[in-house]
Amino acid sequence: MQDTNGKPDPDAELPVLALIHGEPLRRIPNDLYIPPDALEVLLDTFEGPLDLLLYLIRKQNFDILDIPMAKVTAQYLAYVDEIRSRNLELAAEYLLMAAMLIDIKSRMLLPVKKADSDEEVEDPRAELARRLLEYERIKYGAAQIDALPVVGRDFVRAQVHLDHTAGAEVLRRARLVQHHQVQRESLSVREHMSEILRKLQNLRFAEFHELFDLEQGTPGVVVTFVAMLELARESLLQITQAEAFAPIYVRLSYLPSKARPDPAESDFDADESEIIASD
């Protein structure tokens, strides 16, 4: 690799530290000025005490269920001391976690007292581990959501502007040639009566709503209801309700099968057995 003068660049083998205006920076300038508050940018990258604690544990590959409290507490307190000297308001929310870590560390130094029962004594770190695992799941979920495309950040929504007068004219002409088709659907009350009897043949009872086929839409619900009323009129069904707003139950009448009239032989007028439903 050559520099601007055509000579070999001695820094070509060095790793790239940063890109400035598209050009790689491989050496830190000797006159580089680092402002005193530059460290505050690093401190503010953590979103709270749990975030910092999780960072310290994962960075050193510690087992979150077996946290070495002495090492983690010492590193955490060093961080808190650093931010206390720079940002007291930011340090306040970290002090509570520091007190909790010190408390857990001190409890682990004490001899373990056996419980009166045979139950195992709970690890002082158990509650902290539970909170860290829960926080890590939430943080991972938030990262997954943040990775989704966002309008204005990842893409721009396309907008099409039509001339108002021309667009209105096109819509008006489209409405003039618009067609609406009405289809006639023939639904038989007799068929629905037979279907209801088949459903109840092997059941002691059924709830009212179970006898309706919602896939048939409103016309099918109406015809099924009419068929149910006709069966009740013919004493083939018993419809009961214990009290107002209570479930409605439907069952076959307790008449002998030979005494039950066949829906096909009932005096239900054939002309009334077809209900024409329009969409």
Protein backbone atom coordinates (compact mmCIF):
# COMPACT_ATOMS: atom_id res chain seq x y z
CA MET A 1 0.00 0.00 0.00
CA GLN A 2 1.32 3.47 -0.92
CA ASP A 3 0.74 6.91 0.55
CA THR A 4 -0.27 10.03 -1.38
CA ASN A 5 3.34 10.57 -2.54
CA GLY A 6 3.54 7.11 -4.09
CA LYS A 7 5.87 5.76 -1.39
CA PRO A 8 5.11 2.59 0.61
CA ASP A 9 3.03 3.35 3.70
CA PRO A 10 4.88 2.11 6.82
CA ASP A 11 1.62 1.97 8.82
CA ALA A 12 -0.17 -0.27 6.32
CA GLU A 13 0.29 -3.36 8.52
CA LEU A 14 -1.09 -1.69 11.66
CA PRO A 15 -4.69 -2.36 12.68
CA VAL A 16 -7.29 0.27 11.88
CA LEU A 17 -8.31 2.16 15.02
CA ALA A 18 -11.01 4.32 13.44
CA LEU A 19 -12.27 5.80 10.19
CA ILE A 20 -12.18 9.58 9.85
CA HIS A 21 -13.96 10.93 6.76
CA GLY A 22 -13.56 7.49 5.20
CA GLU A 23 -9.80 7.37 5.80
CA PRO A 24 -8.37 4.70 8.16
CA LEU A 25 -6.61 5.91 11.32
CA ARG A 26 -3.84 3.51 12.34
CA ARG A 27 -1.86 5.63 14.84
CA ILE A 28 -3.07 7.88 17.63
CA PRO A 29 -1.78 11.42 16.97
CA ASN A 30 0.72 12.67 19.51
CA ASP A 31 -1.17 15.93 19.93
CA LEU A 32 -4.55 14.22 20.45
CA TYR A 33 -6.52 16.03 23.15
CA ILE A 34 -8.79 13.92 25.36
CA PRO A 35 -11.29 16.07 27.27
CA PRO A 36 -11.65 15.43 31.02
CA ASP A 37 -15.29 14.35 30.67
CA ALA A 38 -14.59 11.77 27.95
CA LEU A 39 -14.93 8.92 30.45
CA GLU A 40 -18.52 9.95 31.20
CA VAL A 41 -19.54 8.71 27.75
CA LEU A 42 -18.39 5.22 28.75
CA LEU A 43 -20.11 5.43 32.12
CA ASP A 44 -23.45 6.38 30.60
CA THR A 45 -23.48 3.42 28.21
CA PHE A 46 -24.89 1.15 30.94
CA GLU A 47 -28.64 1.36 31.42
CA GLY A 48 -28.55 0.70 35.16
CA PRO A 49 -27.00 -1.39 37.93
CA LEU A 50 -28.25 -4.71 36.56
CA ASP A 51 -26.85 -3.87 33.14
CA LEU A 52 -23.40 -3.13 34.62
CA LEU A 53 -23.45 -6.23 36.79
CA LEU A 54 -24.48 -8.43 33.87
CA TYR A 55 -21.68 -6.89 31.78
CA LEU A 56 -19.05 -7.71 34.44
CA ILE A 57 -20.30 -11.31 34.73
CA ARG A 58 -20.55 -12.02 31.00
CA LYS A 59 -17.24 -10.30 30.19
CA GLN A 60 -15.36 -12.72 32.45
CA ASN A 61 -17.49 -15.76 31.53
CA PHE A 62 -18.70 -16.28 35.08
CA ASP A 63 -21.58 -18.69 35.70
CA ILE A 64 -24.57 -16.52 36.52
CA LEU A 65 -25.84 -19.24 38.89
CA ASP A 66 -22.49 -19.38 40.72
CA ILE A 67 -21.28 -15.79 40.86
CA PRO A 68 -17.88 -15.22 42.55
CA MET A 69 -19.15 -12.44 44.77
CA ALA A 70 -15.72 -11.25 45.96
CA LYS A 71 -14.41 -10.47 42.46
CA VAL A 72 -17.66 -9.08 41.09
CA THR A 73 -18.28 -6.90 44.16
CA ALA A 74 -14.76 -5.46 44.03
CA GLN A 75 -15.10 -4.58 40.32
CA TYR A 76 -18.56 -3.12 40.84
CA LEU A 77 -17.44 -0.96 43.75
CA ALA A 78 -14.49 0.32 41.72
CA TYR A 79 -16.90 1.40 39.05
CA VAL A 80 -19.18 3.09 41.60
CA ASP A 81 -16.24 4.97 43.12
CA GLU A 82 -15.34 6.24 39.66
CA ILE A 83 -18.81 7.58 38.86
CA ARG A 84 -19.26 9.06 42.35
CA SER A 85 -16.37 11.41 41.68
CA ARG A 86 -17.91 12.53 38.40
CA ASN A 87 -21.69 12.26 38.59
CA LEU A 88 -23.37 11.99 41.97
CA GLU A 89 -26.85 11.88 40.45
CA LEU A 90 -25.89 8.94 38.23
CA ALA A 91 -24.14 7.15 41.12
CA ALA A 92 -27.19 7.22 43.40
CA GLU A 93 -29.04 4.43 41.56
CA TYR A 94 -25.93 2.21 41.66
CA LEU A 95 -25.41 2.52 45.43
CA LEU A 96 -28.43 0.35 46.28
CA MET A 97 -27.06 -2.52 44.19
CA ALA A 98 -23.64 -2.02 45.81
CA ALA A 99 -25.23 -2.41 49.25
CA MET A 100 -27.01 -5.57 48.06
CA LEU A 101 -23.75 -7.07 46.76
CA ILE A 102 -21.96 -6.32 50.04
CA ASP A 103 -24.83 -7.89 51.98
CA ILE A 104 -24.71 -11.07 49.86
CA LYS A 105 -20.92 -11.24 50.19
CA SER A 106 -21.10 -10.93 53.96
CA ARG A 107 -23.84 -13.58 54.25
CA MET A 108 -21.73 -16.01 52.24
CA LEU A 109 -18.82 -15.53 54.66
CA LEU A 110 -20.97 -16.59 57.62
CA PRO A 111 -21.30 -20.28 58.48
CA VAL A 112 -24.41 -21.87 56.99
CA LYS A 113 -27.08 -22.73 59.54
CA LYS A 114 -29.09 -25.82 58.80
CA ALA A 115 -32.82 -25.33 58.70
CA ASP A 116 -35.06 -27.10 61.20
CA SER A 117 -36.68 -29.05 58.38
CA ASP A 118 -34.93 -31.13 55.74
CA GLU A 119 -35.22 -28.31 53.20
CA GLU A 120 -31.99 -26.92 51.78
CA VAL A 121 -30.93 -23.44 52.84
CA GLU A 122 -31.43 -20.99 49.99
CA ASP A 123 -28.29 -19.60 48.38
CA PRO A 124 -27.95 -15.86 49.16
CA ARG A 125 -27.18 -15.33 45.47
CA ALA A 126 -30.39 -16.97 44.24
CA GLU A 127 -32.52 -13.80 44.17
CA LEU A 128 -29.77 -11.84 42.43
CA ALA A 129 -29.32 -14.58 39.82
CA ARG A 130 -33.07 -14.64 39.18
CA ARG A 131 -33.16 -10.87 38.62
CA LEU A 132 -30.13 -11.00 36.31
CA LEU A 133 -31.60 -13.81 34.18
CA GLU A 134 -34.93 -11.99 33.92
CA TYR A 135 -33.19 -8.75 32.97
CA GLU A 136 -31.08 -10.54 30.35
CA ARG A 137 -34.22 -12.03 28.73
CA ILE A 138 -35.88 -8.61 28.62
CA LYS A 139 -32.74 -7.00 27.20
CA TYR A 140 -32.48 -9.67 24.50
CA GLY A 141 -36.14 -9.21 23.58
CA ALA A 142 -35.69 -5.45 23.38
CA ALA A 143 -32.69 -5.93 21.08
CA GLN A 144 -34.77 -8.22 18.84
CA ILE A 145 -37.52 -5.59 18.61
CA ASP A 146 -35.00 -2.83 17.95
CA ALA A 147 -33.57 -4.87 15.07
CA LEU A 148 -36.91 -4.75 13.25
CA PRO A 149 -37.14 -2.21 10.40
CA VAL A 150 -38.34 1.17 11.58
CA VAL A 151 -39.87 3.89 9.41
CA GLY A 152 -37.52 6.85 9.19
CA ARG A 153 -34.54 4.91 10.53
CA ASP A 154 -34.19 1.96 8.15
CA PHE A 155 -36.46 2.97 5.30
CA VAL A 156 -38.60 5.82 4.10
CA ARG A 157 -42.27 5.29 3.34
CA ALA A 158 -43.04 6.04 -0.28
CA GLN A 159 -45.64 8.70 -0.92
CA VAL A 160 -47.53 9.29 -4.14
CA HIS A 161 -49.27 12.62 -4.68
CA LEU A 162 -51.99 12.72 -7.32
CA ASP A 163 -53.54 15.80 -8.74
CA HIS A 164 -56.72 16.32 -6.72
CA THR A 165 -58.91 17.20 -9.66
CA ALA A 166 -57.65 14.38 -11.86
CA GLY A 167 -57.85 11.83 -9.03
CA ALA A 168 -61.40 12.81 -8.12
CA GLU A 169 -62.48 12.47 -11.73
CA VAL A 170 -60.97 8.97 -11.98
CA LEU A 171 -62.74 7.87 -8.78
CA ARG A 172 -66.06 9.30 -10.00
CA ARG A 173 -65.81 7.44 -13.29
CA ALA A 174 -64.85 4.22 -11.50
CA ARG A 175 -68.00 4.39 -9.37
CA LEU A 176 -70.15 4.71 -12.48
CA VAL A 177 -69.02 1.34 -13.82
CA GLN A 178 -68.95 -0.42 -10.45
CA HIS A 179 -71.01 -3.62 -10.30
CA HIS A 180 -72.55 -5.31 -7.31
CA GLN A 181 -73.62 -8.91 -7.63
CA VAL A 182 -76.22 -10.45 -5.31
CA GLN A 183 -76.13 -14.21 -5.07
CA ARG A 184 -79.11 -16.23 -3.90
CA GLU A 185 -78.42 -19.09 -1.56
CA SER A 186 -81.09 -21.67 -0.82
CA LEU A 187 -81.09 -22.99 2.75
CA SER A 188 -83.44 -25.80 3.73
CA VAL A 189 -85.12 -25.76 7.14
CA ARG A 190 -85.84 -29.50 6.83
CA GLU A 191 -82.15 -30.30 6.30
CA HIS A 192 -81.20 -28.26 9.34
CA MET A 193 -83.87 -30.03 11.42
CA SER A 194 -82.41 -33.41 10.47
CA GLU A 195 -78.88 -32.17 11.18
CA ILE A 196 -79.86 -31.00 14.68
CA LEU A 197 -81.46 -34.38 15.43
CA ARG A 198 -78.32 -36.19 14.26
CA LYS A 199 -76.13 -34.04 16.51
CA LEU A 200 -78.27 -34.75 19.58
CA GLN A 201 -78.82 -38.44 18.89
CA ASN A 202 -75.78 -39.60 20.91
CA LEU A 203 -75.75 -36.73 23.43
CA ARG A 204 -77.68 -36.31 26.65
CA PHE A 205 -77.81 -32.58 26.01
CA ALA A 206 -75.94 -29.81 24.21
CA GLU A 207 -75.52 -26.13 24.80
CA PHE A 208 -77.58 -23.86 22.60
CA HIS A 209 -74.62 -22.31 20.78
CA GLU A 210 -73.10 -25.70 19.92
CA LEU A 211 -75.87 -26.43 17.41
CA PHE A 212 -74.98 -23.49 15.17
CA ASP A 213 -72.46 -23.68 12.33
CA LEU A 214 -70.89 -20.22 12.24
CA GLU A 215 -69.20 -20.94 8.92
CA GLN A 216 -72.62 -20.67 7.24
CA GLY A 217 -72.80 -17.02 8.25
CA THR A 218 -75.88 -15.07 9.29
CA PRO A 219 -78.29 -16.89 6.91
CA GLY A 220 -77.25 -20.28 8.30
CA VAL A 221 -77.67 -19.10 11.90
CA VAL A 222 -81.19 -17.81 11.17
CA VAL A 223 -82.29 -21.02 9.42
CA THR A 224 -80.83 -23.18 12.23
CA PHE A 225 -82.76 -21.15 14.80
CA VAL A 226 -85.98 -21.54 12.83
CA ALA A 227 -85.35 -25.28 12.53
CA MET A 228 -84.81 -25.53 16.29
CA LEU A 229 -88.08 -23.73 17.00
CA GLU A 230 -89.92 -26.03 14.60
CA LEU A 231 -88.49 -29.12 16.33
CA ALA A 232 -89.54 -27.73 19.70
CA ARG A 233 -93.05 -27.12 18.32
CA GLU A 234 -93.15 -30.72 17.14
CA SER A 235 -92.12 -31.86 20.68
CA LEU A 236 -88.90 -33.34 19.36
CA LEU A 237 -86.68 -31.04 21.42
CA GLN A 238 -86.68 -29.70 24.93
CA ILE A 239 -85.08 -26.29 25.43
CA THR A 240 -84.39 -25.36 29.06
CA GLN A 241 -82.83 -22.48 30.96
CA ALA A 242 -82.49 -22.43 34.75
CA GLU A 243 -82.69 -18.65 35.14
CA ALA A 244 -82.28 -15.44 33.22
CA PHE A 245 -78.91 -15.14 31.45
CA ALA A 246 -78.05 -18.73 32.40
CA PRO A 247 -76.81 -21.17 29.73
CA ILE A 248 -79.49 -22.62 27.47
CA TYR A 249 -79.46 -26.40 27.04
CA VAL A 250 -81.11 -28.43 24.28
CA ARG A 251 -81.87 -32.15 24.35
CA LEU A 252 -84.11 -34.69 22.68
CA SER A 253 -87.53 -35.21 24.21
CA TYR A 254 -88.05 -38.27 26.37
CA LEU A 255 -90.71 -39.65 24.04
CA PRO A 256 -90.31 -43.17 22.63
CA SER A 257 -88.65 -43.17 19.24
CA LYS A 258 -91.80 -44.55 17.59
CA ALA A 259 -93.80 -41.65 19.00
CA ARG A 260 -91.48 -39.06 17.57
CA PRO A 261 -92.80 -37.74 14.25
CA ASP A 262 -90.40 -37.69 11.37
CA PRO A 263 -89.61 -34.11 10.27
CA ALA A 264 -90.22 -35.26 6.69
CA GLU A 265 -93.75 -36.41 7.70
CA SER A 266 -94.66 -33.35 9.76
CA ASP A 267 -97.28 -30.91 8.58
CA PHE A 268 -94.60 -28.26 8.07
CA ASP A 269 -95.50 -26.69 4.73
CA ALA A 270 -93.05 -27.48 1.97
CA ASP A 271 -93.23 -23.96 0.66
CA GLU A 272 -92.01 -22.65 4.03
CA SER A 273 -89.07 -25.05 4.22
CA GLU A 274 -86.89 -23.00 1.90
CA ILE A 275 -85.56 -19.66 3.09
CA ILE A 276 -83.85 -17.57 0.50
CA ALA A 277 -80.91 -15.63 1.98
CA SER A 278 -79.31 -12.78 0.15
CA ASP A 279 -75.80 -11.53 0.73
